[in-house]
Amino acid sequence: MKQKKSFMYIASFLALTIAPTGRFVFGLTLIIELVLLEILGILINSLVTKLKFEQIRTYFVMFFMIAITVLYRQILVLTYTEVALILGFYLYFPPVSVFLTHTLFTGNEETLEVRLKNNLLQTLVFSVIILLFYLFRDIAGYGTFTFFGKNHRIFEKVLFNPNKVGIFTFFATIPGALVLTGLIIYLFLFLKNKFRIISSKGGAK
């Protein structure tokens, strides 16, 4: 089960990092949506359990996640139209990620408090890594820092000309995102294996 969940995290990471444009403001938009869906998804799952709708859990949860995503997108359209238009259907990646990693692979016998604590902690760590990924691509690949600006426009601060340091522009491309994602996933698996070995040695003693 843990191995399957790890694979789902990797698949979710790939979905959220490879295709979308590598600007920090877009990564932040996806992460806000991800955390929102995570919290509401846990609450909806808990409600399904209390109402004893186990047989229609999958359809019930997915319906609400899509509904929340549509509402989130409409809010973006009204506030930051440019962000909503550029991200487009990528806004539907976070609900799939939450559904796969926490709805299918989380024990429903856990209390609401335990699920919120465990899942939100994992999501926050996951989110920080993705935000750092987007921040690095924004600065190194484009030479800029982007954020939500005034008058419903994207704020962009030009830091340097990336063309002067040619190797950095590679990270603005999809192949560059693939390489960077591959390095992060390798580091994640390496550290996870190291912790597993240390834990097994500690248990043996």
C-alpha atoms as a PDB file:
ATOM      1  CA  MET A   1       0.000   0.000   0.000  1.00  0.00           C
ATOM      2  CA  LYS A   2       2.794   2.437   0.936  1.00  0.00           C
ATOM      3  CA  GLN A   3       4.622   1.633  -2.303  1.00  0.00           C
ATOM      4  CA  LYS A   4       1.475   2.317  -4.348  1.00  0.00           C
ATOM      5  CA  LYS A   5       0.974   5.597  -2.519  1.00  0.00           C
ATOM      6  CA  SER A   6       4.586   6.590  -3.258  1.00  0.00           C
ATOM      7  CA  PHE A   7       3.997   5.915  -6.956  1.00  0.00           C
ATOM      8  CA  MET A   8       0.841   8.049  -6.805  1.00  0.00           C
ATOM      9  CA  TYR A   9       2.834  10.896  -5.262  1.00  0.00           C
ATOM     10  CA  ILE A  10       5.396  10.633  -8.046  1.00  0.00           C
ATOM     11  CA  ALA A  11       2.652  10.612 -10.706  1.00  0.00           C
ATOM     12  CA  SER A  12       1.012  13.619  -9.045  1.00  0.00           C
ATOM     13  CA  PHE A  13       4.339  15.444  -8.895  1.00  0.00           C
ATOM     14  CA  LEU A  14       4.910  14.829 -12.599  1.00  0.00           C
ATOM     15  CA  ALA A  15       1.413  16.053 -13.470  1.00  0.00           C
ATOM     16  CA  LEU A  16       1.807  19.267 -11.484  1.00  0.00           C
ATOM     17  CA  THR A  17       5.318  20.152 -12.630  1.00  0.00           C
ATOM     18  CA  ILE A  18       5.961  19.047 -16.211  1.00  0.00           C
ATOM     19  CA  ALA A  19       3.179  20.504 -18.352  1.00  0.00           C
ATOM     20  CA  PRO A  20       2.257  23.849 -16.678  1.00  0.00           C
ATOM     21  CA  THR A  21       4.339  26.938 -17.423  1.00  0.00           C
ATOM     22  CA  GLY A  22       7.204  27.166 -14.949  1.00  0.00           C
ATOM     23  CA  ARG A  23       6.313  30.483 -13.322  1.00  0.00           C
ATOM     24  CA  PHE A  24       5.996  30.747  -9.561  1.00  0.00           C
ATOM     25  CA  VAL A  25       2.554  32.381  -9.679  1.00  0.00           C
ATOM     26  CA  PHE A  26       1.135  29.391 -11.584  1.00  0.00           C
ATOM     27  CA  GLY A  27       2.703  26.905  -9.187  1.00  0.00           C
ATOM     28  CA  LEU A  28       1.298  28.851  -6.232  1.00  0.00           C
ATOM     29  CA  THR A  29      -2.164  28.847  -7.825  1.00  0.00           C
ATOM     30  CA  LEU A  30      -2.077  25.061  -8.206  1.00  0.00           C
ATOM     31  CA  ILE A  31      -0.790  24.557  -4.657  1.00  0.00           C
ATOM     32  CA  ILE A  32      -3.522  26.742  -3.131  1.00  0.00           C
ATOM     33  CA  GLU A  33      -6.038  24.623  -5.023  1.00  0.00           C
ATOM     34  CA  LEU A  34      -4.310  21.408  -3.920  1.00  0.00           C
ATOM     35  CA  VAL A  35      -4.374  22.314  -0.204  1.00  0.00           C
ATOM     36  CA  LEU A  36      -7.993  23.520  -0.446  1.00  0.00           C
ATOM     37  CA  LEU A  37      -9.054  20.273  -2.112  1.00  0.00           C
ATOM     38  CA  GLU A  38      -7.086  18.240   0.416  1.00  0.00           C
ATOM     39  CA  ILE A  39      -8.887  19.791   3.383  1.00  0.00           C
ATOM     40  CA  LEU A  40     -12.333  19.646   1.777  1.00  0.00           C
ATOM     41  CA  GLY A  41     -11.659  16.143   0.438  1.00  0.00           C
ATOM     42  CA  ILE A  42     -10.921  14.829   3.937  1.00  0.00           C
ATOM     43  CA  LEU A  43     -14.058  16.493   5.307  1.00  0.00           C
ATOM     44  CA  ILE A  44     -16.196  15.094   2.484  1.00  0.00           C
ATOM     45  CA  ASN A  45     -14.746  11.617   3.017  1.00  0.00           C
ATOM     46  CA  SER A  46     -15.572  11.858   6.702  1.00  0.00           C
ATOM     47  CA  LEU A  47     -19.118  12.956   5.863  1.00  0.00           C
ATOM     48  CA  VAL A  48     -19.538   9.995   3.490  1.00  0.00           C
ATOM     49  CA  THR A  49     -18.428   7.634   6.252  1.00  0.00           C
ATOM     50  CA  LYS A  50     -20.869   9.130   8.753  1.00  0.00           C
ATOM     51  CA  LEU A  51     -23.738   8.974   6.249  1.00  0.00           C
ATOM     52  CA  LYS A  52     -22.731   5.387   5.395  1.00  0.00           C
ATOM     53  CA  PHE A  53     -22.563   6.059   1.644  1.00  0.00           C
ATOM     54  CA  GLU A  54     -19.647   3.657   1.214  1.00  0.00           C
ATOM     55  CA  GLN A  55     -20.931   2.154  -2.041  1.00  0.00           C
ATOM     56  CA  ILE A  56     -21.003   5.509  -3.816  1.00  0.00           C
ATOM     57  CA  ARG A  57     -17.955   7.009  -2.050  1.00  0.00           C
ATOM     58  CA  THR A  58     -15.865   7.274  -5.254  1.00  0.00           C
ATOM     59  CA  TYR A  59     -18.554   9.061  -7.261  1.00  0.00           C
ATOM     60  CA  PHE A  60     -19.613  11.255  -4.348  1.00  0.00           C
ATOM     61  CA  VAL A  61     -16.098  12.489  -3.550  1.00  0.00           C
ATOM     62  CA  MET A  62     -15.069  12.969  -7.177  1.00  0.00           C
ATOM     63  CA  PHE A  63     -18.245  14.930  -7.912  1.00  0.00           C
ATOM     64  CA  PHE A  64     -17.574  17.368  -5.082  1.00  0.00           C
ATOM     65  CA  MET A  65     -13.906  17.743  -6.017  1.00  0.00           C
ATOM     66  CA  ILE A  66     -14.818  18.625  -9.590  1.00  0.00           C
ATOM     67  CA  ALA A  67     -17.489  21.033  -8.330  1.00  0.00           C
ATOM     68  CA  ILE A  68     -14.966  22.731  -6.026  1.00  0.00           C
ATOM     69  CA  THR A  69     -12.448  22.936  -8.879  1.00  0.00           C
ATOM     70  CA  VAL A  70     -15.004  24.544 -11.198  1.00  0.00           C
ATOM     71  CA  LEU A  71     -15.836  27.089  -8.467  1.00  0.00           C
ATOM     72  CA  TYR A  72     -12.119  27.774  -7.874  1.00  0.00           C
ATOM     73  CA  ARG A  73     -11.580  28.300 -11.602  1.00  0.00           C
ATOM     74  CA  GLN A  74     -14.517  30.712 -11.801  1.00  0.00           C
ATOM     75  CA  ILE A  75     -13.071  32.749  -8.933  1.00  0.00           C
ATOM     76  CA  LEU A  76      -9.766  32.903 -10.838  1.00  0.00           C
ATOM     77  CA  VAL A  77     -11.570  33.979 -14.010  1.00  0.00           C
ATOM     78  CA  LEU A  78     -13.160  36.863 -12.120  1.00  0.00           C
ATOM     79  CA  THR A  79      -9.986  37.877 -10.274  1.00  0.00           C
ATOM     80  CA  TYR A  80      -6.918  36.780 -12.255  1.00  0.00           C
ATOM     81  CA  THR A  81      -8.244  35.966 -15.707  1.00  0.00           C
ATOM     82  CA  GLU A  82      -4.770  35.629 -17.217  1.00  0.00           C
ATOM     83  CA  VAL A  83      -3.787  32.958 -14.683  1.00  0.00           C
ATOM     84  CA  ALA A  84      -7.016  31.030 -15.320  1.00  0.00           C
ATOM     85  CA  LEU A  85      -6.573  31.169 -19.106  1.00  0.00           C
ATOM     86  CA  ILE A  86      -2.911  30.124 -19.083  1.00  0.00           C
ATOM     87  CA  LEU A  87      -3.420  27.228 -16.673  1.00  0.00           C
ATOM     88  CA  GLY A  88      -6.607  26.085 -18.445  1.00  0.00           C
ATOM     89  CA  PHE A  89      -7.269  22.384 -17.942  1.00  0.00           C
ATOM     90  CA  TYR A  90      -4.175  22.069 -15.725  1.00  0.00           C
ATOM     91  CA  LEU A  91      -6.446  23.277 -12.928  1.00  0.00           C
ATOM     92  CA  TYR A  92      -8.048  19.831 -13.034  1.00  0.00           C
ATOM     93  CA  PHE A  93      -4.752  18.074 -12.154  1.00  0.00           C
ATOM     94  CA  PRO A  94      -4.861  18.822  -8.372  1.00  0.00           C
ATOM     95  CA  PRO A  95      -8.266  17.142  -7.803  1.00  0.00           C
ATOM     96  CA  VAL A  96      -7.009  14.016  -9.558  1.00  0.00           C
ATOM     97  CA  SER A  97      -3.834  14.093  -7.440  1.00  0.00           C
ATOM     98  CA  VAL A  98      -5.770  14.432  -4.180  1.00  0.00           C
ATOM     99  CA  PHE A  99      -8.240  11.750  -5.223  1.00  0.00           C
ATOM    100  CA  LEU A 100      -5.523   9.232  -6.109  1.00  0.00           C
ATOM    101  CA  THR A 101      -3.183   9.794  -3.176  1.00  0.00           C
ATOM    102  CA  HIS A 102      -5.641  10.261  -0.325  1.00  0.00           C
ATOM    103  CA  THR A 103      -9.093   9.027  -1.305  1.00  0.00           C
ATOM    104  CA  LEU A 104      -8.034   5.670  -2.743  1.00  0.00           C
ATOM    105  CA  PHE A 105      -5.103   4.993  -0.415  1.00  0.00           C
ATOM    106  CA  THR A 106      -6.258   6.293   2.960  1.00  0.00           C
ATOM    107  CA  GLY A 107      -7.875   4.170   5.617  1.00  0.00           C
ATOM    108  CA  ASN A 108     -11.396   5.371   6.356  1.00  0.00           C
ATOM    109  CA  GLU A 109     -11.251   3.846   9.827  1.00  0.00           C
ATOM    110  CA  GLU A 110      -8.978   6.680  11.015  1.00  0.00           C
ATOM    111  CA  THR A 111     -10.522   9.563  12.936  1.00  0.00           C
ATOM    112  CA  LEU A 112     -11.020  12.933  11.249  1.00  0.00           C
ATOM    113  CA  GLU A 113      -8.318  14.539  13.421  1.00  0.00           C
ATOM    114  CA  VAL A 114      -5.747  11.865  12.555  1.00  0.00           C
ATOM    115  CA  ARG A 115      -6.505  12.065   8.829  1.00  0.00           C
ATOM    116  CA  LEU A 116      -6.262  15.853   8.831  1.00  0.00           C
ATOM    117  CA  LYS A 117      -2.960  15.754  10.703  1.00  0.00           C
ATOM    118  CA  ASN A 118      -1.308  13.023   8.636  1.00  0.00           C
ATOM    119  CA  ASN A 119      -2.583  13.972   5.191  1.00  0.00           C
ATOM    120  CA  LEU A 120      -2.102  17.711   5.601  1.00  0.00           C
ATOM    121  CA  LEU A 121       1.465  17.207   6.815  1.00  0.00           C
ATOM    122  CA  GLN A 122       2.257  15.102   3.735  1.00  0.00           C
ATOM    123  CA  THR A 123       0.506  17.609   1.480  1.00  0.00           C
ATOM    124  CA  LEU A 124       2.392  20.558   2.975  1.00  0.00           C
ATOM    125  CA  VAL A 125       5.762  18.851   2.442  1.00  0.00           C
ATOM    126  CA  PHE A 126       4.696  17.941  -1.089  1.00  0.00           C
ATOM    127  CA  SER A 127       3.543  21.533  -1.683  1.00  0.00           C
ATOM    128  CA  VAL A 128       6.777  23.112  -0.421  1.00  0.00           C
ATOM    129  CA  ILE A 129       8.829  20.935  -2.792  1.00  0.00           C
ATOM    130  CA  ILE A 130       6.621  21.916  -5.747  1.00  0.00           C
ATOM    131  CA  LEU A 131       6.774  25.614  -4.816  1.00  0.00           C
ATOM    132  CA  LEU A 132      10.578  25.463  -4.643  1.00  0.00           C
ATOM    133  CA  PHE A 133      10.537  23.725  -8.027  1.00  0.00           C
ATOM    134  CA  TYR A 134       8.478  26.545  -9.577  1.00  0.00           C
ATOM    135  CA  LEU A 135      10.527  29.225  -7.833  1.00  0.00           C
ATOM    136  CA  PHE A 136      13.756  27.781  -9.222  1.00  0.00           C
ATOM    137  CA  ARG A 137      12.331  27.540 -12.762  1.00  0.00           C
ATOM    138  CA  ASP A 138      10.953  31.062 -12.585  1.00  0.00           C
ATOM    139  CA  ILE A 139      14.224  32.601 -11.410  1.00  0.00           C
ATOM    140  CA  ALA A 140      16.746  30.400 -13.207  1.00  0.00           C
ATOM    141  CA  GLY A 141      14.803  29.709 -16.394  1.00  0.00           C
ATOM    142  CA  TYR A 142      13.135  33.060 -16.987  1.00  0.00           C
ATOM    143  CA  GLY A 143      15.177  35.422 -14.819  1.00  0.00           C
ATOM    144  CA  THR A 144      11.998  36.646 -13.142  1.00  0.00           C
ATOM    145  CA  PHE A 145       9.878  36.359 -10.023  1.00  0.00           C
ATOM    146  CA  THR A 146       6.112  36.303 -10.556  1.00  0.00           C
ATOM    147  CA  PHE A 147       3.300  36.722  -8.056  1.00  0.00           C
ATOM    148  CA  PHE A 148      -0.287  37.948  -7.775  1.00  0.00           C
ATOM    149  CA  GLY A 149      -0.220  41.664  -8.529  1.00  0.00           C
ATOM    150  CA  LYS A 150      -2.515  44.651  -8.212  1.00  0.00           C
ATOM    151  CA  ASN A 151      -5.496  45.306 -10.464  1.00  0.00           C
ATOM    152  CA  HIS A 152      -5.958  41.567 -11.088  1.00  0.00           C
ATOM    153  CA  ARG A 153      -2.726  41.339 -13.070  1.00  0.00           C
ATOM    154  CA  ILE A 154       0.344  39.126 -12.718  1.00  0.00           C
ATOM    155  CA  PHE A 155       3.234  40.873 -10.982  1.00  0.00           C
ATOM    156  CA  GLU A 156       6.582  40.195 -12.676  1.00  0.00           C
ATOM    157  CA  LYS A 157       9.936  41.319 -11.322  1.00  0.00           C
ATOM    158  CA  VAL A 158      12.788  40.941 -13.800  1.00  0.00           C
ATOM    159  CA  LEU A 159      15.886  39.814 -11.891  1.00  0.00           C
ATOM    160  CA  PHE A 160      18.339  39.237 -14.721  1.00  0.00           C
ATOM    161  CA  ASN A 161      18.567  38.305 -18.378  1.00  0.00           C
ATOM    162  CA  PRO A 162      18.623  34.482 -18.476  1.00  0.00           C
ATOM    163  CA  ASN A 163      20.128  34.519 -21.971  1.00  0.00           C
ATOM    164  CA  LYS A 164      23.381  35.768 -20.452  1.00  0.00           C
ATOM    165  CA  VAL A 165      23.621  32.499 -18.552  1.00  0.00           C
ATOM    166  CA  GLY A 166      22.520  30.165 -21.322  1.00  0.00           C
ATOM    167  CA  ILE A 167      22.432  26.932 -19.334  1.00  0.00           C
ATOM    168  CA  PHE A 168      19.686  28.284 -17.053  1.00  0.00           C
ATOM    169  CA  THR A 169      17.232  28.852 -19.905  1.00  0.00           C
ATOM    170  CA  PHE A 170      17.147  25.065 -20.324  1.00  0.00           C
ATOM    171  CA  PHE A 171      15.092  24.824 -17.117  1.00  0.00           C
ATOM    172  CA  ALA A 172      12.373  26.975 -18.675  1.00  0.00           C
ATOM    173  CA  THR A 173      11.706  24.235 -21.237  1.00  0.00           C
ATOM    174  CA  ILE A 174       9.741  21.000 -20.817  1.00  0.00           C
ATOM    175  CA  PRO A 175      12.915  18.854 -21.186  1.00  0.00           C
ATOM    176  CA  GLY A 176      14.498  20.990 -18.478  1.00  0.00           C
ATOM    177  CA  ALA A 177      11.471  20.431 -16.252  1.00  0.00           C
ATOM    178  CA  LEU A 178      11.759  16.691 -16.893  1.00  0.00           C
ATOM    179  CA  VAL A 179      15.423  16.647 -15.898  1.00  0.00           C
ATOM    180  CA  LEU A 180      14.791  18.705 -12.771  1.00  0.00           C
ATOM    181  CA  THR A 181      11.800  16.554 -11.822  1.00  0.00           C
ATOM    182  CA  GLY A 182      13.844  13.398 -12.374  1.00  0.00           C
ATOM    183  CA  LEU A 183      16.567  14.689 -10.030  1.00  0.00           C
ATOM    184  CA  ILE A 184      14.011  15.540  -7.335  1.00  0.00           C
ATOM    185  CA  ILE A 185      12.316  12.133  -7.595  1.00  0.00           C
ATOM    186  CA  TYR A 186      15.710  10.375  -7.484  1.00  0.00           C
ATOM    187  CA  LEU A 187      16.654  12.351  -4.370  1.00  0.00           C
ATOM    188  CA  PHE A 188      13.273  11.546  -2.799  1.00  0.00           C
ATOM    189  CA  LEU A 189      13.643   7.802  -3.442  1.00  0.00           C
ATOM    190  CA  PHE A 190      17.294   7.839  -2.303  1.00  0.00           C
ATOM    191  CA  LEU A 191      16.443   9.527   1.009  1.00  0.00           C
ATOM    192  CA  LYS A 192      13.403   7.304   1.510  1.00  0.00           C
ATOM    193  CA  ASN A 193      15.568   4.187   1.006  1.00  0.00           C
ATOM    194  CA  LYS A 194      18.196   5.534   3.415  1.00  0.00           C
ATOM    195  CA  PHE A 195      15.579   6.205   6.105  1.00  0.00           C
ATOM    196  CA  ARG A 196      14.128   2.721   5.544  1.00  0.00           C
ATOM    197  CA  ILE A 197      17.550   1.114   5.999  1.00  0.00           C
ATOM    198  CA  ILE A 198      18.247   3.151   9.137  1.00  0.00           C
ATOM    199  CA  SER A 199      14.834   2.270  10.558  1.00  0.00           C
ATOM    200  CA  SER A 200      15.296  -1.448   9.838  1.00  0.00           C
ATOM    201  CA  LYS A 201      18.726  -1.416  11.526  1.00  0.00           C
ATOM    202  CA  GLY A 202      17.257   0.383  14.531  1.00  0.00           C
ATOM    203  CA  GLY A 203      14.482  -2.193  14.753  1.00  0.00           C
ATOM    204  CA  ALA A 204      16.961  -5.069  14.528  1.00  0.00           C
ATOM    205  CA  LYS A 205      18.814  -3.780  17.565  1.00  0.00           C
END
